[in-house]
Amino acid sequence: MEERFDIVIVGAGLAGITAAYRVQTMLPRKRFIILEARERIGGTWDIFKYPGIRSDSDLTTYGFPFAPWTEERQIASGPEIADYIRNTVTKFGIDEKIRLNRRVLTAEWSSREKRWELTVGVNGGEVIIHAGFVMWASGYYDQREGLNPIIPGIERFEGTVVHPQFWPEGLDYAGKRVVVIGSGATAITLLPTMAKTAAHVTMLQRSPSYVLSIPTVAPGDGVLRKYLPGWVSSRVIRWKYLLLPRLVMEVCRLFPGLVKMGMRWITKAKLPVNIPHDPHFEPRYNMGEQRICLAPDGDFFESLHRQNVGVVTGRIEAVTDKGIELESGERLMADIIVTATGLKIQLFGGADVKVDGRSIRINEKYTWNGVMLQDVPNAGMLIGYTSTAWTLGVDIMAKLVVKLIKGMEEREKKVVTPRLDPEMGVRRARLLDINATYVNIAVGSMPLAGDRGPWRRRRGYFEDCWKVGFGDLGEGVVFE
């Protein structure tokens, strides 16, 4: 059985649904389909079920721009976000385009046929789908396997080891001693939630992160919604949440020392007397160089005042049958160890991507405007922002892909391929702009960014909007 579509979107999470909306509204004559490997839509918000899971961005910018988030609370729980996604899909008729339990196994481009051939696993068998263009919206992490860094002796532990990505349904941690390894957004979320019923919860970190308390309901949003028409207030609030983070990042960049001193003062004021600021809340980097962890209404800092909560900064010497021994000699007894150590990065949903019979070596390819791979025709890779709201990034990249497809139509061409001119002297740079451990581990398997032209790493939402709206999208690509 073979089918043919103008566009195939791979993934039915935030990125895939955003891409689908842009295709059906901006390219209404194109026949497209969404292939989702799982039995349900939602991506991250269907996969992760750990206690207290919530957004780590405001929903005004993290939500769909074409379906504004209307609740006053800017930080929402995982189930609330999953409902919001499902409602949006139904509202815009996107659910009619989704096929579940369809995992793309291989994708091969044929220059002779000028199309992609996708081998798709379904119900234990395989089907073939042909596509003129593929939009990869399957995220940037492995949905079937988490990042499991080497923790010496972890196999000797007699208790329960849990990765947040695969949280067991019904795991009972009430009255248990829990050690959460990590200091990122997941650990910051888990600590206050588990502390409500656990006997003791310790956040064990190798190095600290910046944690910023924010109000769940912003003081001015309610006033705007009360006195302005809905279509006006939603736009004003959106611009507020677009500009404010950018302003914060610019201040961090221009005055790193002053910002660090200010954060030190703010954080110390929130800590209990038994938890010192140094070394537990003194990051090794400047604020803005990695994603800032958010604590809605200060819940993380409130939990630190509980008698059953602790923070330990140090390196693991070994895991024993009863807990963890640190290089300092300190021992942490545990019944449950949670490895909140990040994600295993993976592109294209793990599919084997080939061009004319040859598998692509992703780590040798530069990215064109952050959305296409060098020498790979008719394929867009929708990756959101890592330091601000993810959805902002995937939406603007979806628009860029749509504009490229329109460019092919205007030129009466069927193929667009990024080609790097070796005489440009492009130097290598990292694709993702964060220095997180899980990103550092995956550097050798990620595409490259350059230092100039359309090969340069994406710089931010406003720059991307300018590029898509007014930039020369013919630079660095060949239409055939």
Protein backbone atom coordinates (compact mmCIF):
# COMPACT_ATOMS: atom_id res chain seq x y z
CA MET A 1 0.00 0.00 0.00
CA GLU A 2 1.41 3.40 -1.02
CA GLU A 3 0.07 6.92 -0.56
CA ARG A 4 1.21 10.28 -1.85
CA PHE A 5 1.01 13.67 -0.13
CA ASP A 6 2.40 17.08 -0.93
CA ILE A 7 3.60 17.51 2.66
CA VAL A 8 4.11 15.03 5.49
CA ILE A 9 4.49 16.37 9.03
CA VAL A 10 6.20 13.97 11.43
CA GLY A 11 5.03 14.39 15.02
CA ALA A 12 1.78 15.56 16.65
CA GLY A 13 3.17 17.54 19.55
CA LEU A 14 3.33 21.32 19.79
CA ALA A 15 5.62 21.59 16.76
CA GLY A 16 3.60 19.29 14.52
CA ILE A 17 0.28 20.91 15.36
CA THR A 18 1.75 24.38 14.80
CA ALA A 19 3.13 23.27 11.44
CA ALA A 20 -0.21 21.75 10.47
CA TYR A 21 -2.05 24.99 11.21
CA ARG A 22 0.41 27.01 9.13
CA VAL A 23 0.19 24.58 6.21
CA GLN A 24 -3.60 24.39 6.13
CA THR A 25 -4.04 28.17 6.37
CA MET A 26 -1.11 29.35 4.21
CA LEU A 27 -1.00 26.48 1.72
CA PRO A 28 -4.68 25.48 1.53
CA ARG A 29 -4.32 23.59 -1.77
CA LYS A 30 -1.61 21.28 -0.44
CA ARG A 31 -2.55 17.76 0.60
CA PHE A 32 -0.85 16.95 3.90
CA ILE A 33 -0.90 14.46 6.74
CA ILE A 34 0.56 14.21 10.26
CA LEU A 35 2.23 10.98 11.34
CA GLU A 36 2.47 10.41 15.10
CA ALA A 37 4.49 7.49 16.45
CA ARG A 38 2.56 7.25 19.71
CA GLU A 39 -1.04 6.27 20.41
CA ARG A 40 -1.90 9.82 21.55
CA ILE A 41 -1.07 13.36 20.52
CA GLY A 42 0.67 15.93 22.70
CA GLY A 43 4.33 14.92 22.56
CA THR A 44 6.08 15.95 25.76
CA TRP A 45 2.79 16.62 27.53
CA ASP A 46 1.61 13.08 26.93
CA ILE A 47 4.95 11.42 27.67
CA PHE A 48 5.97 13.01 30.96
CA LYS A 49 3.85 12.12 34.00
CA TYR A 50 6.15 12.89 36.93
CA PRO A 51 4.69 14.58 40.04
CA GLY A 52 3.96 18.28 39.65
CA ILE A 53 4.86 18.46 35.96
CA ARG A 54 4.17 21.94 34.59
CA SER A 55 5.36 24.40 31.99
CA ASP A 56 8.66 26.18 32.47
CA SER A 57 7.60 29.08 30.21
CA ASP A 58 4.65 31.43 30.32
CA LEU A 59 1.69 29.99 28.41
CA THR A 60 1.12 33.23 26.52
CA THR A 61 4.25 32.60 24.45
CA TYR A 62 4.48 28.84 24.95
CA GLY A 63 0.92 28.34 23.74
CA PHE A 64 -0.20 28.41 20.12
CA PRO A 65 -0.18 31.96 18.70
CA PHE A 66 -3.31 31.12 16.69
CA ALA A 67 -5.13 29.80 19.80
CA PRO A 68 -4.18 32.22 22.61
CA TRP A 69 -3.99 30.95 26.17
CA THR A 70 -6.81 32.73 27.98
CA GLU A 71 -6.34 31.59 31.58
CA GLU A 72 -4.91 34.06 34.08
CA ARG A 73 -2.33 31.54 35.31
CA GLN A 74 0.77 31.74 33.15
CA ILE A 75 2.31 28.53 34.49
CA ALA A 76 0.07 25.53 33.85
CA SER A 77 0.19 21.88 34.86
CA GLY A 78 0.96 19.09 32.42
CA PRO A 79 -2.65 17.81 32.27
CA GLU A 80 -3.93 21.35 31.64
CA ILE A 81 -1.52 21.79 28.75
CA ALA A 82 -2.48 18.38 27.32
CA ASP A 83 -6.16 19.40 27.39
CA TYR A 84 -5.32 22.72 25.75
CA ILE A 85 -3.50 20.90 22.93
CA ARG A 86 -6.37 18.47 22.35
CA ASN A 87 -8.95 21.27 22.32
CA THR A 88 -6.89 23.27 19.83
CA VAL A 89 -6.51 20.30 17.49
CA THR A 90 -10.26 19.72 17.50
CA LYS A 91 -11.16 23.39 17.14
CA PHE A 92 -9.14 23.79 13.93
CA GLY A 93 -9.94 20.39 12.44
CA ILE A 94 -6.33 19.28 12.62
CA ASP A 95 -7.36 16.00 14.24
CA GLU A 96 -8.71 14.86 10.87
CA LYS A 97 -5.16 14.95 9.47
CA ILE A 98 -3.50 12.96 12.26
CA ARG A 99 -2.66 9.26 12.00
CA LEU A 100 -1.60 7.71 15.27
CA ASN A 101 0.75 4.77 15.85
CA ARG A 102 2.69 5.64 12.70
CA ARG A 103 6.44 5.62 13.34
CA VAL A 104 8.69 6.74 10.49
CA LEU A 105 11.44 4.12 10.22
CA THR A 106 13.29 5.36 7.14
CA ALA A 107 13.06 8.40 4.92
CA GLU A 108 14.83 8.33 1.56
CA TRP A 109 15.01 11.15 -0.94
CA SER A 110 15.10 10.24 -4.62
CA SER A 111 16.60 12.90 -6.88
CA ARG A 112 15.23 11.07 -9.89
CA GLU A 113 11.66 10.99 -8.55
CA LYS A 114 12.01 14.33 -6.72
CA ARG A 115 10.20 13.02 -3.67
CA TRP A 116 10.64 11.38 -0.30
CA GLU A 117 9.77 7.76 0.34
CA LEU A 118 8.86 7.13 3.96
CA THR A 119 8.74 3.64 5.38
CA VAL A 120 6.23 3.81 8.21
CA GLY A 121 5.74 1.18 10.89
CA VAL A 122 2.10 0.51 11.75
CA ASN A 123 0.46 -2.37 13.65
CA GLY A 124 3.51 -4.58 13.30
CA GLY A 125 3.73 -4.02 9.56
CA GLU A 126 4.99 -1.33 7.21
CA VAL A 127 3.44 1.05 4.70
CA ILE A 128 5.04 3.36 2.16
CA ILE A 129 4.18 7.06 1.99
CA HIS A 130 5.55 9.41 -0.64
CA ALA A 131 5.94 13.11 0.09
CA GLY A 132 7.05 16.11 -1.88
CA PHE A 133 8.21 17.81 1.34
CA VAL A 134 8.76 16.53 4.89
CA MET A 135 8.47 18.71 7.99
CA TRP A 136 10.17 16.97 10.90
CA ALA A 137 8.34 18.06 14.04
CA SER A 138 9.34 15.11 16.22
CA GLY A 139 11.28 17.17 18.75
CA TYR A 140 14.92 16.89 19.66
CA TYR A 141 14.97 14.11 22.23
CA ASP A 142 14.55 10.34 22.21
CA GLN A 143 11.02 9.47 23.31
CA ARG A 144 11.84 5.83 23.96
CA GLU A 145 15.08 6.15 25.92
CA GLY A 146 16.18 8.72 28.49
CA LEU A 147 19.62 10.10 29.15
CA ASN A 148 21.34 7.75 31.57
CA PRO A 149 24.73 9.18 32.47
CA ILE A 150 27.26 6.90 34.09
CA ILE A 151 26.51 6.77 37.80
CA PRO A 152 28.96 4.32 39.38
CA GLY A 153 27.29 1.51 41.29
CA ILE A 154 23.71 2.42 40.37
CA GLU A 155 23.06 -1.26 39.59
CA ARG A 156 23.76 -2.13 43.25
CA PHE A 157 20.97 0.06 44.59
CA GLU A 158 18.27 -2.07 46.21
CA GLY A 159 15.59 0.62 46.08
CA THR A 160 13.77 2.11 43.09
CA VAL A 161 15.54 4.08 40.38
CA VAL A 162 13.26 6.34 38.33
CA HIS A 163 13.86 8.53 35.31
CA PRO A 164 11.28 11.36 35.12
CA GLN A 165 10.62 10.60 31.45
CA PHE A 166 9.33 7.14 32.39
CA TRP A 167 7.62 7.74 35.71
CA PRO A 168 5.87 4.53 36.85
CA GLU A 169 2.13 4.89 37.25
CA GLY A 170 1.16 4.64 40.89
CA LEU A 171 4.68 4.93 42.32
CA ASP A 172 4.20 5.39 46.06
CA TYR A 173 6.81 7.69 47.56
CA ALA A 174 4.83 8.58 50.70
CA GLY A 175 7.00 8.07 53.76
CA LYS A 176 10.04 7.24 51.59
CA ARG A 177 13.49 8.81 51.47
CA VAL A 178 14.03 10.30 48.03
CA VAL A 179 17.17 11.64 46.36
CA VAL A 180 16.61 13.68 43.20
CA ILE A 181 19.80 13.90 41.13
CA GLY A 182 19.83 17.12 39.11
CA SER A 183 19.36 20.86 39.38
CA GLY A 184 17.33 21.73 36.28
CA ALA A 185 13.66 22.50 35.75
CA THR A 186 12.57 18.90 36.44
CA ALA A 187 14.35 18.70 39.78
CA ILE A 188 13.06 22.15 40.77
CA THR A 189 9.52 20.91 40.02
CA LEU A 190 9.84 17.53 41.73
CA LEU A 191 11.24 18.74 45.04
CA PRO A 192 8.27 20.78 46.35
CA THR A 193 5.74 18.26 45.05
CA MET A 194 7.33 15.13 46.51
CA ALA A 195 8.17 16.84 49.79
CA LYS A 196 4.46 17.02 50.66
CA THR A 197 4.29 13.29 51.43
CA ALA A 198 7.82 11.87 51.31
CA ALA A 199 9.73 11.23 54.54
CA HIS A 200 12.65 13.22 53.18
CA VAL A 201 13.66 14.65 49.80
CA THR A 202 17.21 15.66 48.92
CA MET A 203 18.14 17.48 45.73
CA LEU A 204 21.65 16.33 44.87
CA GLN A 205 23.35 18.59 42.36
CA ARG A 206 26.79 18.60 40.84
CA SER A 207 26.47 22.32 40.19
CA PRO A 208 23.60 24.76 40.92
CA SER A 209 21.27 26.59 38.54
CA TYR A 210 19.62 29.98 38.75
CA VAL A 211 16.13 29.70 40.22
CA LEU A 212 13.77 32.64 39.83
CA SER A 213 10.46 33.03 41.67
CA ILE A 214 7.62 34.30 39.50
CA PRO A 215 3.93 34.89 40.21
CA THR A 216 1.59 32.32 38.70
CA VAL A 217 -0.85 35.12 37.96
CA ALA A 218 0.86 38.31 36.78
CA PRO A 219 -0.56 41.36 38.59
CA GLY A 220 -1.28 43.45 35.49
CA ASP A 221 -2.81 40.80 33.23
CA GLY A 222 -6.16 40.73 34.99
CA VAL A 223 -6.50 44.50 34.74
CA LEU A 224 -5.81 44.43 31.01
CA ARG A 225 -8.37 41.68 30.45
CA LYS A 226 -10.94 43.52 32.56
CA TYR A 227 -10.78 46.90 30.85
CA LEU A 228 -9.77 46.05 27.29
CA PRO A 229 -11.58 44.01 24.60
CA GLY A 230 -10.36 40.44 24.41
CA TRP A 231 -8.65 40.81 21.05
CA VAL A 232 -6.75 43.86 22.32
CA SER A 233 -5.79 42.53 25.75
CA SER A 234 -4.52 39.23 24.34
CA ARG A 235 -2.20 41.07 21.97
CA VAL A 236 -0.94 43.48 24.59
CA ILE A 237 -0.27 40.64 27.04
CA ARG A 238 1.50 38.63 24.34
CA TRP A 239 3.80 41.53 23.50
CA LYS A 240 4.51 41.94 27.18
CA TYR A 241 5.70 38.35 27.45
CA LEU A 242 7.67 38.63 24.22
CA LEU A 243 9.53 41.77 25.23
CA LEU A 244 10.10 41.16 28.93
CA PRO A 245 12.28 38.01 28.62
CA ARG A 246 14.27 39.67 25.84
CA LEU A 247 14.84 42.69 28.06
CA VAL A 248 15.97 40.45 30.90
CA MET A 249 18.40 38.59 28.62
CA GLU A 250 19.88 41.86 27.34
CA VAL A 251 20.37 43.15 30.88
CA CYS A 252 22.06 39.85 31.80
CA ARG A 253 24.36 40.19 28.81
CA LEU A 254 25.26 43.84 29.41
CA PHE A 255 25.57 43.74 33.20
CA PRO A 256 26.44 40.15 34.19
CA GLY A 257 28.15 41.08 37.44
CA LEU A 258 25.33 43.33 38.60
CA VAL A 259 22.69 40.73 37.72
CA LYS A 260 24.60 38.01 39.53
CA MET A 261 24.87 40.20 42.62
CA GLY A 262 21.15 40.97 42.47
CA MET A 263 20.19 37.31 42.12
CA ARG A 264 22.44 36.46 45.04
CA TRP A 265 20.65 39.01 47.21
CA ILE A 266 17.16 37.87 46.12
CA THR A 267 17.96 34.17 46.57
CA LYS A 268 19.59 34.55 49.99
CA ALA A 269 16.49 36.33 51.24
CA LYS A 270 14.36 33.28 50.36
CA LEU A 271 16.59 30.58 51.86
CA PRO A 272 16.17 29.09 55.33
CA VAL A 273 19.03 29.60 57.78
CA ASN A 274 20.11 25.96 57.54
CA ILE A 275 20.75 26.11 53.76
CA PRO A 276 23.58 28.49 52.85
CA HIS A 277 23.67 30.29 49.53
CA ASP A 278 27.21 29.09 48.82
CA PRO A 279 27.77 26.59 47.33
CA HIS A 280 24.17 25.48 46.76
CA PHE A 281 22.93 28.54 44.86
CA GLU A 282 26.10 29.98 43.37
CA PRO A 283 26.12 28.90 39.67
CA ARG A 284 29.41 28.70 37.79
CA TYR A 285 28.01 30.67 34.89
CA ASN A 286 26.37 34.05 34.39
CA MET A 287 22.61 34.35 34.39
CA GLY A 288 21.23 33.98 30.87
CA GLU A 289 23.90 31.56 29.66
CA GLN A 290 21.63 28.63 30.48
CA ARG A 291 17.90 28.36 30.86
CA ILE A 292 16.60 29.94 34.07
CA CYS A 293 14.56 27.62 36.30
CA LEU A 294 11.23 29.09 37.34
CA ALA A 295 9.56 28.62 40.72
CA PRO A 296 5.87 29.57 40.44
CA ASP A 297 4.89 31.63 43.49
CA GLY A 298 8.22 30.61 45.03
CA ASP A 299 7.08 27.03 45.69
CA PHE A 300 10.63 25.67 45.44
CA PHE A 301 11.99 28.07 48.05
CA GLU A 302 9.00 27.50 50.31
CA SER A 303 9.69 23.76 50.28
CA LEU A 304 13.26 24.37 51.45
CA HIS A 305 11.85 25.62 54.75
CA ARG A 306 10.36 22.18 55.44
CA GLN A 307 12.21 19.91 57.85
CA ASN A 308 12.13 17.03 55.37
CA VAL A 309 13.89 18.84 52.49
CA GLY A 310 17.59 19.29 51.83
CA VAL A 311 20.02 20.40 49.12
CA VAL A 312 23.44 18.83 48.68
CA THR A 313 26.09 19.99 46.23
CA GLY A 314 28.82 17.51 45.37
CA ARG A 315 30.00 14.71 43.13
CA ILE A 316 28.92 11.09 43.42
CA GLU A 317 31.62 8.65 44.46
CA ALA A 318 29.38 5.61 44.16
CA VAL A 319 25.87 4.31 44.69
CA THR A 320 25.53 1.66 47.36
CA ASP A 321 22.73 -0.75 48.11
CA LYS A 322 21.17 1.76 50.52
CA GLY A 323 21.94 5.15 49.01
CA ILE A 324 24.65 7.42 47.62
CA GLU A 325 28.21 8.13 48.77
CA LEU A 326 29.74 11.45 47.72
CA GLU A 327 33.39 12.28 47.08
CA SER A 328 33.24 14.44 50.21
CA GLY A 329 32.47 11.36 52.28
CA GLU A 330 28.87 12.34 52.94
CA ARG A 331 26.26 9.60 52.65
CA LEU A 332 22.68 10.04 51.47
CA MET A 333 20.34 7.22 52.45
CA ALA A 334 17.52 6.60 49.97
CA ASP A 335 14.59 4.38 49.13
CA ILE A 336 14.07 6.05 45.74
CA ILE A 337 16.61 7.70 43.43
CA VAL A 338 15.28 9.99 40.72
CA THR A 339 17.72 10.65 37.88
CA ALA A 340 16.58 14.07 36.68
CA THR A 341 19.70 14.35 34.55
CA GLY A 342 18.24 15.52 31.25
CA LEU A 343 17.17 14.18 27.89
CA LYS A 344 18.87 12.00 25.30
CA ILE A 345 19.04 14.15 22.20
CA GLN A 346 17.82 12.61 18.97
CA LEU A 347 16.69 14.19 15.70
CA PHE A 348 14.25 12.91 13.06
CA GLY A 349 12.55 10.71 15.66
CA GLY A 350 15.32 8.16 15.24
CA ALA A 351 14.51 7.51 11.58
CA ASP A 352 17.28 6.60 9.14
CA VAL A 353 17.35 9.52 6.70
CA LYS A 354 18.97 8.95 3.31
CA VAL A 355 19.57 10.97 0.18
CA ASP A 356 19.85 8.85 -2.97
CA GLY A 357 20.67 5.74 -0.98
CA ARG A 358 23.29 7.25 1.35
CA SER A 359 22.54 7.80 5.04
CA ILE A 360 23.04 11.35 6.24
CA ARG A 361 25.82 12.00 8.71
CA ILE A 362 24.00 14.60 10.73
CA ASN A 363 27.05 15.78 12.67
CA GLU A 364 28.80 16.74 9.42
CA LYS A 365 25.97 18.92 8.09
CA TYR A 366 25.43 22.62 8.67
CA THR A 367 21.95 23.97 9.32
CA TRP A 368 20.51 26.54 6.93
CA ASN A 369 18.68 29.23 8.89
CA GLY A 370 18.21 26.69 11.68
CA VAL A 371 15.57 24.76 9.74
CA MET A 372 17.14 22.76 6.88
CA LEU A 373 20.21 20.56 6.65
CA GLN A 374 22.96 21.14 4.15
CA ASP A 375 22.54 18.95 1.01
CA VAL A 376 19.19 17.55 2.22
CA PRO A 377 16.38 18.55 -0.19
CA ASN A 378 12.77 19.40 0.68
CA ALA A 379 13.00 18.75 4.42
CA GLY A 380 12.40 21.15 7.29
CA MET A 381 13.54 20.46 10.86
CA LEU A 382 11.31 22.32 13.34
CA ILE A 383 13.25 22.97 16.53
CA GLY A 384 12.05 25.57 19.00
CA TYR A 385 14.03 27.86 21.25
CA THR A 386 15.84 26.38 24.23
CA SER A 387 16.27 29.56 26.28
CA THR A 388 12.77 30.99 25.69
CA ALA A 389 9.38 29.53 24.77
CA TRP A 390 9.76 26.49 22.50
CA THR A 391 6.62 27.19 20.50
CA LEU A 392 7.80 30.63 19.40
CA GLY A 393 10.70 28.96 17.62
CA VAL A 394 8.76 26.18 15.92
CA ASP A 395 6.09 28.59 14.72
CA ILE A 396 8.51 30.95 13.01
CA MET A 397 10.37 28.00 11.46
CA ALA A 398 7.08 26.57 10.17
CA LYS A 399 6.40 29.92 8.51
CA LEU A 400 9.88 29.86 6.98
CA VAL A 401 9.26 26.41 5.49
CA VAL A 402 5.91 27.52 4.10
CA LYS A 403 7.60 30.54 2.51
CA LEU A 404 10.20 28.24 0.91
CA ILE A 405 7.45 26.03 -0.53
CA LYS A 406 5.74 29.11 -1.92
CA GLY A 407 9.09 30.15 -3.38
CA MET A 408 9.30 26.84 -5.21
CA GLU A 409 5.82 27.36 -6.64
CA GLU A 410 6.64 30.89 -7.79
CA ARG A 411 9.76 29.61 -9.55
CA GLU A 412 7.90 26.58 -10.89
CA LYS A 413 10.46 24.32 -9.24
CA LYS A 414 9.98 21.10 -7.27
CA VAL A 415 13.17 20.97 -5.20
CA VAL A 416 14.96 23.31 -2.80
CA THR A 417 18.32 22.25 -1.35
CA PRO A 418 20.70 24.12 0.97
CA ARG A 419 24.20 24.24 -0.56
CA LEU A 420 27.22 25.51 1.33
CA ASP A 421 29.81 27.35 -0.73
CA PRO A 422 33.20 26.18 0.61
CA GLU A 423 34.72 29.51 -0.35
CA MET A 424 32.60 31.21 2.33
CA GLY A 425 35.00 29.90 4.95
CA VAL A 426 32.22 29.14 7.40
CA ARG A 427 33.51 28.18 10.84
CA ARG A 428 31.82 25.63 13.05
CA ALA A 429 29.62 26.60 15.98
CA ARG A 430 27.17 24.79 18.24
CA LEU A 431 23.58 24.46 17.09
CA LEU A 432 21.89 24.86 20.49
CA ASP A 433 22.65 27.98 22.52
CA ILE A 434 22.68 26.39 25.99
CA ASN A 435 25.53 24.82 27.89
CA ALA A 436 23.52 22.12 29.66
CA THR A 437 25.14 18.75 30.41
CA TYR A 438 22.74 16.75 28.24
CA VAL A 439 23.45 19.08 25.31
CA ASN A 440 27.23 18.82 25.82
CA ILE A 441 27.00 15.03 25.79
CA ALA A 442 25.22 15.09 22.41
CA VAL A 443 27.46 17.60 20.61
CA GLY A 444 29.05 14.89 18.47
CA SER A 445 25.68 13.74 17.13
CA MET A 446 24.14 17.14 16.43
CA PRO A 447 24.18 19.20 13.21
CA LEU A 448 26.48 22.18 12.99
CA ALA A 449 25.83 25.88 12.92
CA GLY A 450 28.11 28.34 11.24
CA ASP A 451 29.41 31.80 12.07
CA ARG A 452 28.01 33.72 9.10
CA GLY A 453 25.30 34.02 6.51
CA PRO A 454 22.27 31.72 6.55
CA TRP A 455 24.37 29.09 8.32
CA ARG A 456 24.66 31.10 11.49
CA ARG A 457 22.93 29.90 14.65
CA ARG A 458 19.53 31.42 15.28
CA ARG A 459 19.86 34.56 17.40
CA GLY A 460 16.34 35.10 18.70
CA TYR A 461 12.66 35.46 17.95
CA PHE A 462 12.70 39.03 16.67
CA GLU A 463 15.68 38.37 14.43
CA ASP A 464 13.96 35.27 13.04
CA CYS A 465 10.76 37.22 12.39
CA TRP A 466 12.71 39.83 10.44
CA LYS A 467 14.49 37.12 8.45
CA VAL A 468 11.27 35.32 7.53
CA GLY A 469 9.44 38.53 6.76
CA PHE A 470 12.09 40.49 4.91
CA GLY A 471 15.24 38.36 4.51
CA ASP A 472 16.62 36.84 1.34
CA LEU A 473 15.58 33.22 1.64
CA GLY A 474 17.24 32.43 -1.67
CA GLU A 475 20.71 32.82 -0.16
CA GLY A 476 22.40 29.47 0.38
CA VAL A 477 19.76 27.35 -1.37
CA VAL A 478 19.36 26.01 -4.89
CA PHE A 479 15.94 25.69 -6.55
CA GLU A 480 15.63 22.94 -9.15
